[in-house]
């Protein structure tokens, strides 16, 4: 999977998280870093 595809999926998960339909725990491991980055989350 290309980096662009991963970013696209991550954007979808960010949208779902921001609208309360998913949580960060629902995000597949391949996209967690991208999603956390987009949400401004730090560990």
PDB file of N, CA and C in Angstrom:
ATOM      1  N   UNK A   1       0.852  -1.168   0.000  1.00  0.00           N
ATOM      2  CA  UNK A   1       0.000   0.000   0.000  1.00  0.00           C
ATOM      3  C   UNK A   1       0.901   1.234   0.000  1.00  0.00           C
ATOM      4  N   UNK A   2       0.584   2.167  -0.858  1.00  0.00           N
ATOM      5  CA  UNK A   2       1.406   3.370  -0.974  1.00  0.00           C
ATOM      6  C   UNK A   2       1.127   4.334   0.183  1.00  0.00           C
ATOM      7  N   UNK A   3       2.027   5.255   0.354  1.00  0.00           N
ATOM      8  CA  UNK A   3       1.892   6.261   1.412  1.00  0.00           C
ATOM      9  C   UNK A   3       0.647   7.119   1.186  1.00  0.00           C
ATOM     10  N   UNK A   4       0.366   7.436  -0.061  1.00  0.00           N
ATOM     11  CA  UNK A   4      -0.819   8.248  -0.378  1.00  0.00           C
ATOM     12  C   UNK A   4      -2.101   7.515   0.003  1.00  0.00           C
ATOM     13  N   UNK A   5      -2.140   6.215  -0.216  1.00  0.00           N
ATOM     14  CA  UNK A   5      -3.319   5.431   0.144  1.00  0.00           C
ATOM     15  C   UNK A   5      -3.495   5.383   1.662  1.00  0.00           C
ATOM     16  N   UNK A   6      -2.377   5.224   2.379  1.00  0.00           N
ATOM     17  CA  UNK A   6      -2.446   5.198   3.840  1.00  0.00           C
ATOM     18  C   UNK A   6      -2.967   6.525   4.373  1.00  0.00           C
ATOM     19  N   UNK A   7      -2.502   7.616   3.789  1.00  0.00           N
ATOM     20  CA  UNK A   7      -2.966   8.943   4.225  1.00  0.00           C
ATOM     21  C   UNK A   7      -4.458   9.133   3.937  1.00  0.00           C
ATOM     22  N   UNK A   8      -4.902   8.599   2.836  1.00  0.00           N
ATOM     23  CA  UNK A   8      -6.311   8.697   2.487  1.00  0.00           C
ATOM     24  C   UNK A   8      -7.174   7.939   3.488  1.00  0.00           C
ATOM     25  N   UNK A   9      -6.774   6.724   3.827  1.00  0.00           N
ATOM     26  CA  UNK A   9      -7.494   5.954   4.829  1.00  0.00           C
ATOM     27  C   UNK A   9      -7.447   6.657   6.183  1.00  0.00           C
ATOM     28  N   UNK A  10      -6.293   7.217   6.527  1.00  0.00           N
ATOM     29  CA  UNK A  10      -6.149   7.909   7.803  1.00  0.00           C
ATOM     30  C   UNK A  10      -7.095   9.103   7.875  1.00  0.00           C
ATOM     31  N   UNK A  11      -7.231   9.834   6.789  1.00  0.00           N
ATOM     32  CA  UNK A  11      -8.148  10.974   6.746  1.00  0.00           C
ATOM     33  C   UNK A  11      -9.575  10.533   7.016  1.00  0.00           C
ATOM     34  N   UNK A  12      -9.952   9.392   6.471  1.00  0.00           N
ATOM     35  CA  UNK A  12     -11.288   8.852   6.702  1.00  0.00           C
ATOM     36  C   UNK A  12     -11.478   8.520   8.179  1.00  0.00           C
ATOM     37  N   UNK A  13     -10.483   7.888   8.781  1.00  0.00           N
ATOM     38  CA  UNK A  13     -10.586   7.557  10.203  1.00  0.00           C
ATOM     39  C   UNK A  13     -10.613   8.812  11.072  1.00  0.00           C
ATOM     40  N   UNK A  14      -9.858   9.831  10.704  1.00  0.00           N
ATOM     41  CA  UNK A  14      -9.875  11.093  11.455  1.00  0.00           C
ATOM     42  C   UNK A  14     -11.286  11.670  11.433  1.00  0.00           C
ATOM     43  N   UNK A  15     -11.899  11.678  10.266  1.00  0.00           N
ATOM     44  CA  UNK A  15     -13.271  12.175  10.134  1.00  0.00           C
ATOM     45  C   UNK A  15     -14.223  11.382  11.030  1.00  0.00           C
ATOM     46  N   UNK A  16     -14.109  10.064  11.006  1.00  0.00           N
ATOM     47  CA  UNK A  16     -14.989   9.217  11.816  1.00  0.00           C
ATOM     48  C   UNK A  16     -14.768   9.442  13.316  1.00  0.00           C
ATOM     49  N   UNK A  17     -13.516   9.601  13.723  1.00  0.00           N
ATOM     50  CA  UNK A  17     -13.213   9.850  15.136  1.00  0.00           C
ATOM     51  C   UNK A  17     -13.769  11.206  15.566  1.00  0.00           C
ATOM     52  N   UNK A  18     -13.573  12.214  14.747  1.00  0.00           N
ATOM     53  CA  UNK A  18     -14.044  13.552  15.097  1.00  0.00           C
ATOM     54  C   UNK A  18     -15.563  13.620  15.184  1.00  0.00           C
ATOM     55  N   UNK A  19     -16.252  12.733  14.490  1.00  0.00           N
ATOM     56  CA  UNK A  19     -17.707  12.708  14.524  1.00  0.00           C
ATOM     57  C   UNK A  19     -18.260  11.652  15.474  1.00  0.00           C
ATOM     58  N   UNK A  20     -17.384  11.071  16.285  1.00  0.00           N
ATOM     59  CA  UNK A  20     -17.820  10.145  17.323  1.00  0.00           C
ATOM     60  C   UNK A  20     -18.242   8.776  16.834  1.00  0.00           C
ATOM     61  N   UNK A  21     -17.919   8.422  15.618  1.00  0.00           N
ATOM     62  CA  UNK A  21     -18.331   7.126  15.075  1.00  0.00           C
ATOM     63  C   UNK A  21     -17.290   6.042  15.299  1.00  0.00           C
ATOM     64  N   UNK A  22     -16.046   6.431  15.552  1.00  0.00           N
ATOM     65  CA  UNK A  22     -14.957   5.497  15.830  1.00  0.00           C
ATOM     66  C   UNK A  22     -14.079   6.094  16.917  1.00  0.00           C
ATOM     67  N   UNK A  23     -13.233   5.247  17.500  1.00  0.00           N
ATOM     68  CA  UNK A  23     -12.240   5.731  18.458  1.00  0.00           C
ATOM     69  C   UNK A  23     -10.866   5.335  17.941  1.00  0.00           C
ATOM     70  N   UNK A  24      -9.830   5.853  18.566  1.00  0.00           N
ATOM     71  CA  UNK A  24      -8.467   5.555  18.123  1.00  0.00           C
ATOM     72  C   UNK A  24      -8.180   4.058  18.232  1.00  0.00           C
ATOM     73  N   UNK A  25      -8.852   3.371  19.138  1.00  0.00           N
ATOM     74  CA  UNK A  25      -8.661   1.933  19.295  1.00  0.00           C
ATOM     75  C   UNK A  25      -9.215   1.147  18.104  1.00  0.00           C
ATOM     76  N   UNK A  26     -10.111   1.752  17.344  1.00  0.00           N
ATOM     77  CA  UNK A  26     -10.706   1.102  16.179  1.00  0.00           C
ATOM     78  C   UNK A  26      -9.839   1.207  14.921  1.00  0.00           C
ATOM     79  N   UNK A  27      -8.814   2.031  14.977  1.00  0.00           N
ATOM     80  CA  UNK A  27      -7.973   2.277  13.803  1.00  0.00           C
ATOM     81  C   UNK A  27      -6.988   1.124  13.626  1.00  0.00           C
ATOM     82  N   UNK A  28      -6.905   0.560  12.417  1.00  0.00           N
ATOM     83  CA  UNK A  28      -5.917  -0.501  12.162  1.00  0.00           C
ATOM     84  C   UNK A  28      -4.487   0.000  12.404  1.00  0.00           C
ATOM     85  N   UNK A  29      -3.641  -0.882  12.846  1.00  0.00           N
ATOM     86  CA  UNK A  29      -2.285  -0.506  13.240  1.00  0.00           C
ATOM     87  C   UNK A  29      -1.497   0.172  12.115  1.00  0.00           C
ATOM     88  N   UNK A  30      -1.788  -0.137  10.876  1.00  0.00           N
ATOM     89  CA  UNK A  30      -1.064   0.469   9.751  1.00  0.00           C
ATOM     90  C   UNK A  30      -1.324   1.969   9.625  1.00  0.00           C
ATOM     91  N   UNK A  31      -2.422   2.444  10.214  1.00  0.00           N
ATOM     92  CA  UNK A  31      -2.807   3.842  10.051  1.00  0.00           C
ATOM     93  C   UNK A  31      -2.726   4.662  11.330  1.00  0.00           C
ATOM     94  N   UNK A  32      -2.435   4.029  12.448  1.00  0.00           N
ATOM     95  CA  UNK A  32      -2.478   4.711  13.746  1.00  0.00           C
ATOM     96  C   UNK A  32      -1.563   5.927  13.779  1.00  0.00           C
ATOM     97  N   UNK A  33      -0.329   5.796  13.299  1.00  0.00           N
ATOM     98  CA  UNK A  33       0.596   6.929  13.344  1.00  0.00           C
ATOM     99  C   UNK A  33       0.097   8.109  12.520  1.00  0.00           C
ATOM    100  N   UNK A  34      -0.459   7.833  11.360  1.00  0.00           N
ATOM    101  CA  UNK A  34      -0.998   8.901  10.509  1.00  0.00           C
ATOM    102  C   UNK A  34      -2.184   9.594  11.191  1.00  0.00           C
ATOM    103  N   UNK A  35      -3.074   8.787  11.756  1.00  0.00           N
ATOM    104  CA  UNK A  35      -4.271   9.335  12.405  1.00  0.00           C
ATOM    105  C   UNK A  35      -3.877  10.169  13.613  1.00  0.00           C
ATOM    106  N   UNK A  36      -2.989   9.632  14.445  1.00  0.00           N
ATOM    107  CA  UNK A  36      -2.540  10.387  15.618  1.00  0.00           C
ATOM    108  C   UNK A  36      -1.875  11.699  15.204  1.00  0.00           C
ATOM    109  N   UNK A  37      -1.095  11.673  14.146  1.00  0.00           N
ATOM    110  CA  UNK A  37      -0.462  12.886  13.649  1.00  0.00           C
ATOM    111  C   UNK A  37      -1.481  13.910  13.196  1.00  0.00           C
ATOM    112  N   UNK A  38      -2.490  13.461  12.467  1.00  0.00           N
ATOM    113  CA  UNK A  38      -3.526  14.374  11.982  1.00  0.00           C
ATOM    114  C   UNK A  38      -4.358  14.946  13.125  1.00  0.00           C
ATOM    115  N   UNK A  39      -4.537  14.153  14.186  1.00  0.00           N
ATOM    116  CA  UNK A  39      -5.313  14.618  15.332  1.00  0.00           C
ATOM    117  C   UNK A  39      -4.467  15.411  16.320  1.00  0.00           C
ATOM    118  N   UNK A  40      -3.158  15.447  16.104  1.00  0.00           N
ATOM    119  CA  UNK A  40      -2.257  16.173  16.998  1.00  0.00           C
ATOM    120  C   UNK A  40      -2.009  15.458  18.302  1.00  0.00           C
ATOM    121  N   UNK A  41      -2.170  14.160  18.294  1.00  0.00           N
ATOM    122  CA  UNK A  41      -1.965  13.364  19.511  1.00  0.00           C
ATOM    123  C   UNK A  41      -0.499  13.010  19.652  1.00  0.00           C
ATOM    124  N   UNK A  42      -0.018  13.059  20.881  1.00  0.00           N
ATOM    125  CA  UNK A  42       1.357  12.627  21.163  1.00  0.00           C
ATOM    126  C   UNK A  42       1.311  11.549  22.219  1.00  0.00           C
ATOM    127  N   UNK A  43       2.300  10.699  22.193  1.00  0.00           N
ATOM    128  CA  UNK A  43       2.321   9.594  23.159  1.00  0.00           C
ATOM    129  C   UNK A  43       3.137   9.941  24.363  1.00  0.00           C
TER     130      UNK A  43
END
